[in-house]
Amino acid sequence: MADSTRDMRRAVYERELKPKFGNQKLAEITHEDLRTLTDTIVERGAPATAVHVREVVMQVFRWAIERGQKIENPADMVRPTTIAKFEPRDRALTPDEIGLMYQFHGAYWHHVL
């Protein structure tokens, strides 16, 4: 895992999950609890963070289950597509924008060299 990914997941845990679930046993955390948390995060305008919260929960529970814990993973019932839908950005540069890019690129390298 890249350092940046680890740091981002740690920040999501500290900011979003620890205050909500930090004092609970894994068996006490339900998919309804996770759904409520992700909905709250989406409502404040951070859908990508809500998806990250679900992913961190998914990984923590997978790790525990792989080590013998007899619990259900609440993230299995909270699909990412039910948290947020992200529209792909299909946009190409216009000919004018391409020209500006080449002008900038040429001016930059002329200045640097």
C-alpha atoms as a PDB file:
ATOM      1  CA  MET A   1       0.000   0.000   0.000  1.00  0.00           C
ATOM      2  CA  ALA A   2       1.360   3.408  -0.905  1.00  0.00           C
ATOM      3  CA  ASP A   3       2.212   5.745   1.963  1.00  0.00           C
ATOM      4  CA  SER A   4      -0.337   8.275   0.723  1.00  0.00           C
ATOM      5  CA  THR A   5      -3.117   5.656   0.701  1.00  0.00           C
ATOM      6  CA  ARG A   6      -2.211   4.500   4.206  1.00  0.00           C
ATOM      7  CA  ASP A   7      -2.133   8.096   5.462  1.00  0.00           C
ATOM      8  CA  MET A   8      -5.493   8.882   3.851  1.00  0.00           C
ATOM      9  CA  ARG A   9      -7.106   5.791   5.380  1.00  0.00           C
ATOM     10  CA  ARG A  10      -5.651   6.586   8.789  1.00  0.00           C
ATOM     11  CA  ALA A  11      -7.039  10.129   8.546  1.00  0.00           C
ATOM     12  CA  VAL A  12     -10.481   8.790   7.566  1.00  0.00           C
ATOM     13  CA  TYR A  13     -10.375   6.442  10.549  1.00  0.00           C
ATOM     14  CA  GLU A  14      -9.324   9.161  12.993  1.00  0.00           C
ATOM     15  CA  ARG A  15     -11.766  11.782  11.714  1.00  0.00           C
ATOM     16  CA  GLU A  16     -14.834   9.719  10.794  1.00  0.00           C
ATOM     17  CA  LEU A  17     -14.767   6.237  12.314  1.00  0.00           C
ATOM     18  CA  LYS A  18     -13.029   6.533  15.672  1.00  0.00           C
ATOM     19  CA  PRO A  19     -15.468   9.102  17.109  1.00  0.00           C
ATOM     20  CA  LYS A  20     -18.460   6.987  16.023  1.00  0.00           C
ATOM     21  CA  PHE A  21     -17.273   3.399  16.552  1.00  0.00           C
ATOM     22  CA  GLY A  22     -14.073   3.695  18.593  1.00  0.00           C
ATOM     23  CA  ASN A  23     -15.600   2.385  21.826  1.00  0.00           C
ATOM     24  CA  GLN A  24     -17.641  -0.428  20.261  1.00  0.00           C
ATOM     25  CA  LYS A  25     -16.816  -4.073  19.677  1.00  0.00           C
ATOM     26  CA  LEU A  26     -16.872  -5.125  16.027  1.00  0.00           C
ATOM     27  CA  ALA A  27     -19.908  -7.349  16.665  1.00  0.00           C
ATOM     28  CA  GLU A  28     -21.836  -4.272  17.860  1.00  0.00           C
ATOM     29  CA  ILE A  29     -21.402  -2.343  14.600  1.00  0.00           C
ATOM     30  CA  THR A  30     -24.305  -2.962  12.225  1.00  0.00           C
ATOM     31  CA  HIS A  31     -24.806  -2.178   8.581  1.00  0.00           C
ATOM     32  CA  GLU A  32     -27.488   0.300   9.696  1.00  0.00           C
ATOM     33  CA  ASP A  33     -24.856   2.128  11.773  1.00  0.00           C
ATOM     34  CA  LEU A  34     -22.513   2.239   8.799  1.00  0.00           C
ATOM     35  CA  ARG A  35     -25.284   3.408   6.484  1.00  0.00           C
ATOM     36  CA  THR A  36     -26.255   6.200   8.890  1.00  0.00           C
ATOM     37  CA  LEU A  37     -22.636   7.344   9.077  1.00  0.00           C
ATOM     38  CA  THR A  38     -22.098   7.293   5.312  1.00  0.00           C
ATOM     39  CA  ASP A  39     -25.402   9.119   4.721  1.00  0.00           C
ATOM     40  CA  THR A  40     -24.365  11.821   7.210  1.00  0.00           C
ATOM     41  CA  ILE A  41     -21.026  12.264   5.451  1.00  0.00           C
ATOM     42  CA  VAL A  42     -22.695  12.464   2.025  1.00  0.00           C
ATOM     43  CA  GLU A  43     -25.188  15.039   3.340  1.00  0.00           C
ATOM     44  CA  ARG A  44     -22.353  17.317   4.411  1.00  0.00           C
ATOM     45  CA  GLY A  45     -21.026  17.170   0.844  1.00  0.00           C
ATOM     46  CA  ALA A  46     -18.240  14.579   1.056  1.00  0.00           C
ATOM     47  CA  PRO A  47     -19.380  11.508  -0.916  1.00  0.00           C
ATOM     48  CA  ALA A  48     -15.834  10.340  -1.681  1.00  0.00           C
ATOM     49  CA  THR A  49     -15.039  10.354   2.042  1.00  0.00           C
ATOM     50  CA  ALA A  50     -18.171   8.294   2.695  1.00  0.00           C
ATOM     51  CA  VAL A  51     -16.983   5.677   0.193  1.00  0.00           C
ATOM     52  CA  HIS A  52     -13.555   5.660   1.868  1.00  0.00           C
ATOM     53  CA  VAL A  53     -15.235   5.117   5.261  1.00  0.00           C
ATOM     54  CA  ARG A  54     -16.996   2.068   3.872  1.00  0.00           C
ATOM     55  CA  GLU A  55     -13.728   0.738   2.428  1.00  0.00           C
ATOM     56  CA  VAL A  56     -11.898   1.104   5.758  1.00  0.00           C
ATOM     57  CA  VAL A  57     -14.714  -0.708   7.570  1.00  0.00           C
ATOM     58  CA  MET A  58     -14.670  -3.433   4.895  1.00  0.00           C
ATOM     59  CA  GLN A  59     -10.935  -3.972   5.358  1.00  0.00           C
ATOM     60  CA  VAL A  60     -11.020  -3.990   9.161  1.00  0.00           C
ATOM     61  CA  PHE A  61     -13.794  -6.582   9.234  1.00  0.00           C
ATOM     62  CA  ARG A  62     -12.128  -8.717   6.539  1.00  0.00           C
ATOM     63  CA  TRP A  63      -8.930  -8.718   8.571  1.00  0.00           C
ATOM     64  CA  ALA A  64     -10.804  -9.790  11.734  1.00  0.00           C
ATOM     65  CA  ILE A  65     -12.810 -12.484   9.923  1.00  0.00           C
ATOM     66  CA  GLU A  66      -9.658 -13.881   8.304  1.00  0.00           C
ATOM     67  CA  ARG A  67      -8.249 -14.247  11.805  1.00  0.00           C
ATOM     68  CA  GLY A  68     -11.177 -16.262  13.108  1.00  0.00           C
ATOM     69  CA  GLN A  69     -13.694 -13.708  14.363  1.00  0.00           C
ATOM     70  CA  LYS A  70     -17.250 -14.969  13.879  1.00  0.00           C
ATOM     71  CA  ILE A  71     -18.818 -11.698  12.801  1.00  0.00           C
ATOM     72  CA  GLU A  72     -20.568 -10.354   9.732  1.00  0.00           C
ATOM     73  CA  ASN A  73     -19.021  -7.553   7.727  1.00  0.00           C
ATOM     74  CA  PRO A  74     -21.492  -4.623   7.788  1.00  0.00           C
ATOM     75  CA  ALA A  75     -19.896  -3.160   4.667  1.00  0.00           C
ATOM     76  CA  ASP A  76     -21.166  -6.153   2.657  1.00  0.00           C
ATOM     77  CA  MET A  77     -24.665  -4.686   2.903  1.00  0.00           C
ATOM     78  CA  VAL A  78     -23.619  -1.099   2.133  1.00  0.00           C
ATOM     79  CA  ARG A  79     -22.540  -1.136  -1.493  1.00  0.00           C
ATOM     80  CA  PRO A  80     -20.389   1.774  -2.723  1.00  0.00           C
ATOM     81  CA  THR A  81     -22.855   2.541  -5.518  1.00  0.00           C
ATOM     82  CA  THR A  82     -25.585   3.123  -2.924  1.00  0.00           C
ATOM     83  CA  ILE A  83     -23.408   5.688  -1.164  1.00  0.00           C
ATOM     84  CA  ALA A  84     -22.487   7.846  -4.135  1.00  0.00           C
ATOM     85  CA  LYS A  85     -22.438   7.718  -7.891  1.00  0.00           C
ATOM     86  CA  PHE A  86     -19.582   9.442  -9.630  1.00  0.00           C
ATOM     87  CA  GLU A  87     -20.090  10.610 -13.169  1.00  0.00           C
ATOM     88  CA  PRO A  88     -17.152  10.063 -15.509  1.00  0.00           C
ATOM     89  CA  ARG A  89     -15.811  13.210 -17.047  1.00  0.00           C
ATOM     90  CA  ASP A  90     -15.824  12.809 -20.793  1.00  0.00           C
ATOM     91  CA  ARG A  91     -14.324  16.023 -22.006  1.00  0.00           C
ATOM     92  CA  ALA A  92     -11.655  16.624 -24.577  1.00  0.00           C
ATOM     93  CA  LEU A  93      -9.553  19.728 -24.950  1.00  0.00           C
ATOM     94  CA  THR A  94     -10.691  22.145 -27.632  1.00  0.00           C
ATOM     95  CA  PRO A  95      -8.224  23.040 -30.392  1.00  0.00           C
ATOM     96  CA  ASP A  96      -7.687  26.442 -28.701  1.00  0.00           C
ATOM     97  CA  GLU A  97      -6.921  24.755 -25.373  1.00  0.00           C
ATOM     98  CA  ILE A  98      -4.458  22.401 -27.060  1.00  0.00           C
ATOM     99  CA  GLY A  99      -2.749  25.388 -28.664  1.00  0.00           C
ATOM    100  CA  LEU A 100      -2.476  27.158 -25.308  1.00  0.00           C
ATOM    101  CA  MET A 101      -1.020  24.014 -23.760  1.00  0.00           C
ATOM    102  CA  TYR A 102       1.673  23.787 -26.428  1.00  0.00           C
ATOM    103  CA  GLN A 103       2.441  27.502 -26.118  1.00  0.00           C
ATOM    104  CA  PHE A 104       2.826  27.213 -22.358  1.00  0.00           C
ATOM    105  CA  HIS A 105       4.860  24.021 -22.666  1.00  0.00           C
ATOM    106  CA  GLY A 106       7.230  25.622 -25.182  1.00  0.00           C
ATOM    107  CA  ALA A 107       7.596  28.843 -23.179  1.00  0.00           C
ATOM    108  CA  TYR A 108       8.234  26.875 -19.993  1.00  0.00           C
ATOM    109  CA  TRP A 109      10.996  24.744 -21.477  1.00  0.00           C
ATOM    110  CA  HIS A 110      12.553  27.738 -23.255  1.00  0.00           C
ATOM    111  CA  HIS A 111      12.694  29.525 -19.881  1.00  0.00           C
ATOM    112  CA  VAL A 112      14.071  26.490 -18.028  1.00  0.00           C
ATOM    113  CA  LEU A 113      16.734  25.664 -20.590  1.00  0.00           C
END
